[in-house]
C-alpha atoms as a PDB file:
ATOM      1  CA  MET A   1      -0.008  -0.025  -0.029  1.00  0.00           C
ATOM      2  CA  GLY A   2       2.638   2.566   0.977  1.00  0.00           C
ATOM      3  CA  ASN A   3       6.383   2.718   1.359  1.00  0.00           C
ATOM      4  CA  PRO A   4       7.411   0.160   3.894  1.00  0.00           C
ATOM      5  CA  GLN A   5      10.007   2.732   5.365  1.00  0.00           C
ATOM      6  CA  GLU A   6       7.479   5.316   6.129  1.00  0.00           C
ATOM      7  CA  LYS A   7       6.517   5.845   9.801  1.00  0.00           C
ATOM      8  CA  SER A   8       3.070   4.884  10.934  1.00  0.00           C
ATOM      9  CA  ARG A   9       0.996   8.052  11.283  1.00  0.00           C
ATOM     10  CA  GLY A  10       1.092   9.581  14.841  1.00  0.00           C
ATOM     11  CA  THR A  11       2.493   6.672  16.813  1.00  0.00           C
ATOM     12  CA  GLU A  12       5.957   7.918  17.345  1.00  0.00           C
ATOM     13  CA  THR A  13       5.240  11.431  18.567  1.00  0.00           C
ATOM     14  CA  ARG A  14       1.947  10.901  20.357  1.00  0.00           C
ATOM     15  CA  LEU A  15       1.783  11.908  23.907  1.00  0.00           C
ATOM     16  CA  HIS A  16       1.311   9.177  26.343  1.00  0.00           C
ATOM     17  CA  LEU A  17      -1.292  10.132  29.131  1.00  0.00           C
ATOM     18  CA  GLU A  18      -1.678   8.124  32.509  1.00  0.00           C
ATOM     19  CA  PRO A  19      -5.277   6.629  33.177  1.00  0.00           C
ATOM     20  CA  HIS A  20      -6.032   9.429  35.761  1.00  0.00           C
ATOM     21  CA  GLN A  21      -5.109  12.053  33.248  1.00  0.00           C
ATOM     22  CA  ILE A  22      -7.444  10.586  30.462  1.00  0.00           C
ATOM     23  CA  ILE A  23     -10.575  10.209  32.737  1.00  0.00           C
ATOM     24  CA  LEU A  24     -11.359  13.638  34.171  1.00  0.00           C
ATOM     25  CA  ARG A  25     -14.610  13.081  35.914  1.00  0.00           C
ATOM     26  CA  PRO A  26     -17.866  10.642  35.575  1.00  0.00           C
ATOM     27  CA  LEU A  27     -20.860  12.464  34.459  1.00  0.00           C
ATOM     28  CA  VAL A  28     -23.673  11.517  36.886  1.00  0.00           C
ATOM     29  CA  THR A  29     -26.926  12.546  35.514  1.00  0.00           C
ATOM     30  CA  GLU A  30     -30.569  11.353  35.181  1.00  0.00           C
ATOM     31  CA  LYS A  31     -29.972  10.128  31.570  1.00  0.00           C
ATOM     32  CA  GLY A  32     -26.610   8.721  32.675  1.00  0.00           C
ATOM     33  CA  VAL A  33     -28.049   6.854  35.567  1.00  0.00           C
ATOM     34  CA  TYR A  34     -30.818   5.416  33.235  1.00  0.00           C
ATOM     35  CA  HIS A  35     -28.093   4.248  30.633  1.00  0.00           C
ATOM     36  CA  ALA A  36     -26.005   2.641  33.322  1.00  0.00           C
ATOM     37  CA  GLY A  37     -29.077   0.497  34.505  1.00  0.00           C
ATOM     38  CA  GLU A  38     -30.433  -0.255  31.152  1.00  0.00           C
ATOM     39  CA  PHE A  39     -27.649  -0.505  28.798  1.00  0.00           C
ATOM     40  CA  ASN A  40     -24.593  -0.896  31.036  1.00  0.00           C
ATOM     41  CA  GLN A  41     -23.143   2.419  29.694  1.00  0.00           C
ATOM     42  CA  TYR A  42     -21.381   5.201  31.537  1.00  0.00           C
ATOM     43  CA  ALA A  43     -20.432   8.705  30.540  1.00  0.00           C
ATOM     44  CA  PHE A  44     -17.203  10.516  31.419  1.00  0.00           C
ATOM     45  CA  GLU A  45     -15.502  13.702  30.600  1.00  0.00           C
ATOM     46  CA  VAL A  46     -12.282  12.668  29.175  1.00  0.00           C
ATOM     47  CA  ASN A  47      -9.188  14.582  28.013  1.00  0.00           C
ATOM     48  CA  SER A  48      -9.414  16.215  24.545  1.00  0.00           C
ATOM     49  CA  LEU A  49      -6.134  14.604  23.475  1.00  0.00           C
ATOM     50  CA  SER A  50      -7.298  10.885  24.307  1.00  0.00           C
ATOM     51  CA  THR A  51      -8.262   8.460  21.688  1.00  0.00           C
ATOM     52  CA  LYS A  52     -10.885   5.640  22.109  1.00  0.00           C
ATOM     53  CA  ASP A  53      -8.017   3.206  22.683  1.00  0.00           C
ATOM     54  CA  ASP A  54      -6.781   5.472  25.423  1.00  0.00           C
ATOM     55  CA  ILE A  55     -10.161   5.661  27.133  1.00  0.00           C
ATOM     56  CA  LYS A  56     -10.945   2.000  26.974  1.00  0.00           C
ATOM     57  CA  ARG A  57      -7.505   1.193  28.518  1.00  0.00           C
ATOM     58  CA  ALA A  58      -7.785   3.892  31.129  1.00  0.00           C
ATOM     59  CA  VAL A  59     -11.338   2.821  32.242  1.00  0.00           C
ATOM     60  CA  GLU A  60     -10.196  -0.909  32.352  1.00  0.00           C
ATOM     61  CA  GLU A  61      -7.444   0.123  34.445  1.00  0.00           C
ATOM     62  CA  LEU A  62      -9.064   2.466  36.930  1.00  0.00           C
ATOM     63  CA  PHE A  63     -12.259   0.423  37.536  1.00  0.00           C
ATOM     64  CA  ASN A  64     -11.097  -3.046  36.816  1.00  0.00           C
ATOM     65  CA  VAL A  65     -13.815  -3.881  34.375  1.00  0.00           C
ATOM     66  CA  LYS A  66     -13.992  -5.101  30.655  1.00  0.00           C
ATOM     67  CA  VAL A  67     -14.985  -2.402  27.948  1.00  0.00           C
ATOM     68  CA  THR A  68     -16.829  -3.602  24.828  1.00  0.00           C
ATOM     69  CA  LYS A  69     -17.302  -0.184  23.139  1.00  0.00           C
ATOM     70  CA  VAL A  70     -16.376   3.434  23.406  1.00  0.00           C
ATOM     71  CA  ARG A  71     -18.086   6.256  21.767  1.00  0.00           C
ATOM     72  CA  THR A  72     -16.799   9.920  21.789  1.00  0.00           C
ATOM     73  CA  GLN A  73     -18.248  13.303  21.366  1.00  0.00           C
ATOM     74  CA  ASN A  74     -16.532  16.624  21.052  1.00  0.00           C
ATOM     75  CA  ARG A  75     -18.687  19.198  22.794  1.00  0.00           C
ATOM     76  CA  ALA A  76     -18.402  22.823  21.810  1.00  0.00           C
ATOM     77  CA  GLY A  77     -18.407  25.578  24.499  1.00  0.00           C
ATOM     78  CA  LYS A  78     -21.533  27.556  24.971  1.00  0.00           C
ATOM     79  CA  PRO A  79     -21.777  31.461  24.969  1.00  0.00           C
ATOM     80  CA  ARG A  80     -22.311  32.702  28.569  1.00  0.00           C
ATOM     81  CA  ARG A  81     -22.575  35.988  30.228  1.00  0.00           C
ATOM     82  CA  TYR A  82     -21.111  37.225  33.599  1.00  0.00           C
ATOM     83  CA  ARG A  83     -22.167  40.683  34.528  1.00  0.00           C
ATOM     84  CA  TYR A  84     -21.002  42.907  31.596  1.00  0.00           C
ATOM     85  CA  ARG A  85     -18.808  40.482  29.804  1.00  0.00           C
ATOM     86  CA  ASN A  86     -19.329  37.953  27.151  1.00  0.00           C
ATOM     87  CA  GLY A  87     -17.517  34.675  27.053  1.00  0.00           C
ATOM     88  CA  TYR A  88     -17.572  31.016  26.280  1.00  0.00           C
ATOM     89  CA  THR A  89     -17.551  27.980  28.407  1.00  0.00           C
ATOM     90  CA  LYS A  90     -14.471  25.585  27.443  1.00  0.00           C
ATOM     91  CA  ASN A  91     -14.812  22.813  24.698  1.00  0.00           C
ATOM     92  CA  TRP A  92     -14.750  19.338  26.177  1.00  0.00           C
ATOM     93  CA  LYS A  93     -14.753  15.740  25.244  1.00  0.00           C
ATOM     94  CA  LYS A  94     -17.406  13.266  26.363  1.00  0.00           C
ATOM     95  CA  ALA A  95     -16.976   9.509  26.112  1.00  0.00           C
ATOM     96  CA  LEU A  96     -19.763   6.936  26.559  1.00  0.00           C
ATOM     97  CA  VAL A  97     -18.329   3.799  27.599  1.00  0.00           C
ATOM     98  CA  THR A  98     -20.287   0.291  27.175  1.00  0.00           C
ATOM     99  CA  LEU A  99     -19.111  -2.438  29.591  1.00  0.00           C
ATOM    100  CA  ASP A 100     -19.294  -6.142  29.222  1.00  0.00           C
ATOM    101  CA  LYS A 101     -22.559  -7.591  30.776  1.00  0.00           C
ATOM    102  CA  GLU A 102     -20.843  -9.116  33.830  1.00  0.00           C
ATOM    103  CA  HIS A 103     -19.122  -5.926  34.898  1.00  0.00           C
ATOM    104  CA  ARG A 104     -20.609  -2.844  36.731  1.00  0.00           C
ATOM    105  CA  ILE A 105     -19.290   0.625  38.030  1.00  0.00           C
ATOM    106  CA  ASP A 106     -20.752   1.936  41.115  1.00  0.00           C
ATOM    107  CA  PHE A 107     -20.415   5.574  41.676  1.00  0.00           C
ATOM    108  CA  PHE A 108     -22.774   5.943  44.556  1.00  0.00           C
END
Protein backbone atom coordinates (compact mmCIF):
# COMPACT_ATOMS: atom_id res chain seq x y z
CA MET A 1 0.00 0.00 0.00
CA GLY A 2 2.68 2.50 0.98
CA ASN A 3 6.38 2.60 1.36
CA PRO A 4 7.41 0.15 4.15
CA GLN A 5 10.04 2.61 5.35
CA GLU A 6 7.42 5.27 6.12
CA LYS A 7 6.62 5.76 9.77
CA SER A 8 3.10 4.95 10.89
CA ARG A 9 1.02 8.07 11.28
CA GLY A 10 1.02 9.63 14.75
CA THR A 11 2.35 6.71 16.77
CA GLU A 12 5.92 7.87 17.30
CA THR A 13 5.24 11.38 18.57
CA ARG A 14 1.90 10.85 20.32
CA LEU A 15 1.67 12.01 23.91
CA HIS A 16 1.31 9.19 26.45
CA LEU A 17 -1.29 9.98 29.12
CA GLU A 18 -1.77 8.13 32.39
CA PRO A 19 -5.27 6.72 33.15
CA HIS A 20 -6.00 9.39 35.78
CA GLN A 21 -5.10 12.07 33.21
CA ILE A 22 -7.48 10.62 30.61
CA ILE A 23 -10.64 10.20 32.74
CA LEU A 24 -11.34 13.64 34.22
CA ARG A 25 -14.67 12.94 35.92
CA PRO A 26 -17.77 10.75 35.60
CA LEU A 27 -20.92 12.43 34.32
CA VAL A 28 -23.64 11.46 36.78
CA THR A 29 -26.95 12.71 35.37
CA GLU A 30 -30.48 11.33 35.20
CA LYS A 31 -29.89 10.16 31.66
CA GLY A 32 -26.53 8.64 32.64
CA VAL A 33 -28.05 6.72 35.56
CA TYR A 34 -30.77 5.39 33.24
CA HIS A 35 -28.20 4.27 30.64
CA ALA A 36 -26.09 2.63 33.36
CA GLY A 37 -29.07 0.58 34.55
CA GLU A 38 -30.57 -0.32 31.17
CA PHE A 39 -27.62 -0.53 28.77
CA ASN A 40 -24.57 -0.77 31.08
CA GLN A 41 -23.19 2.47 29.56
CA TYR A 42 -21.29 5.08 31.55
CA ALA A 43 -20.44 8.67 30.59
CA PHE A 44 -17.17 10.42 31.39
CA GLU A 45 -15.58 13.76 30.70
CA VAL A 46 -12.23 12.85 29.17
CA ASN A 47 -9.06 14.61 28.05
CA SER A 48 -9.43 16.17 24.59
CA LEU A 49 -6.19 14.57 23.41
CA SER A 50 -7.24 11.01 24.28
CA THR A 51 -8.33 8.44 21.71
CA LYS A 52 -10.90 5.66 22.01
CA ASP A 53 -8.14 3.13 22.70
CA ASP A 54 -6.72 5.38 25.45
CA ILE A 55 -10.16 5.74 27.04
CA LYS A 56 -10.78 1.99 26.93
CA ARG A 57 -7.41 1.26 28.56
CA ALA A 58 -7.94 3.91 31.24
CA VAL A 59 -11.43 2.71 32.24
CA GLU A 60 -10.29 -0.91 32.36
CA GLU A 61 -7.30 -0.02 34.57
CA LEU A 62 -9.07 2.42 36.90
CA PHE A 63 -12.29 0.48 37.48
CA ASN A 64 -11.10 -3.11 36.83
CA VAL A 65 -13.85 -3.85 34.27
CA LYS A 66 -14.07 -5.12 30.66
CA VAL A 67 -15.00 -2.46 28.08
CA THR A 68 -16.75 -3.57 24.88
CA LYS A 69 -17.36 -0.23 23.11
CA VAL A 70 -16.33 3.42 23.37
CA ARG A 71 -18.13 6.31 21.69
CA THR A 72 -16.85 9.87 21.87
CA GLN A 73 -18.32 13.33 21.32
CA ASN A 74 -16.51 16.64 21.03
CA ARG A 75 -18.73 19.14 22.83
CA ALA A 76 -18.49 22.80 21.83
CA GLY A 77 -18.40 25.52 24.47
CA LYS A 78 -21.51 27.64 24.90
CA PRO A 79 -21.76 31.42 25.06
CA ARG A 80 -22.26 32.70 28.60
CA ARG A 81 -22.56 36.12 30.22
CA TYR A 82 -21.14 37.22 33.54
CA ARG A 83 -22.08 40.75 34.58
CA TYR A 84 -21.07 42.95 31.65
CA ARG A 85 -18.79 40.50 29.91
CA ASN A 86 -19.47 37.89 27.27
CA GLY A 87 -17.48 34.67 27.09
CA TYR A 88 -17.59 31.00 26.28
CA THR A 89 -17.43 27.88 28.38
CA LYS A 90 -14.59 25.54 27.44
CA ASN A 91 -14.79 22.90 24.73
CA TRP A 92 -14.68 19.37 26.14
CA LYS A 93 -14.80 15.73 25.14
CA LYS A 94 -17.40 13.24 26.33
CA ALA A 95 -17.01 9.46 26.22
CA LEU A 96 -19.81 6.88 26.42
CA VAL A 97 -18.32 3.59 27.56
CA THR A 98 -20.24 0.32 27.22
CA LEU A 99 -19.15 -2.44 29.58
CA ASP A 100 -19.36 -6.20 29.30
CA LYS A 101 -22.62 -7.54 30.77
CA GLU A 102 -20.88 -9.11 33.80
CA HIS A 103 -19.25 -5.83 34.90
CA ARG A 104 -20.62 -2.76 36.68
CA ILE A 105 -19.26 0.54 38.01
CA ASP A 106 -20.80 1.92 41.22
CA PHE A 107 -20.44 5.70 41.58
CA PHE A 108 -22.70 6.00 44.60
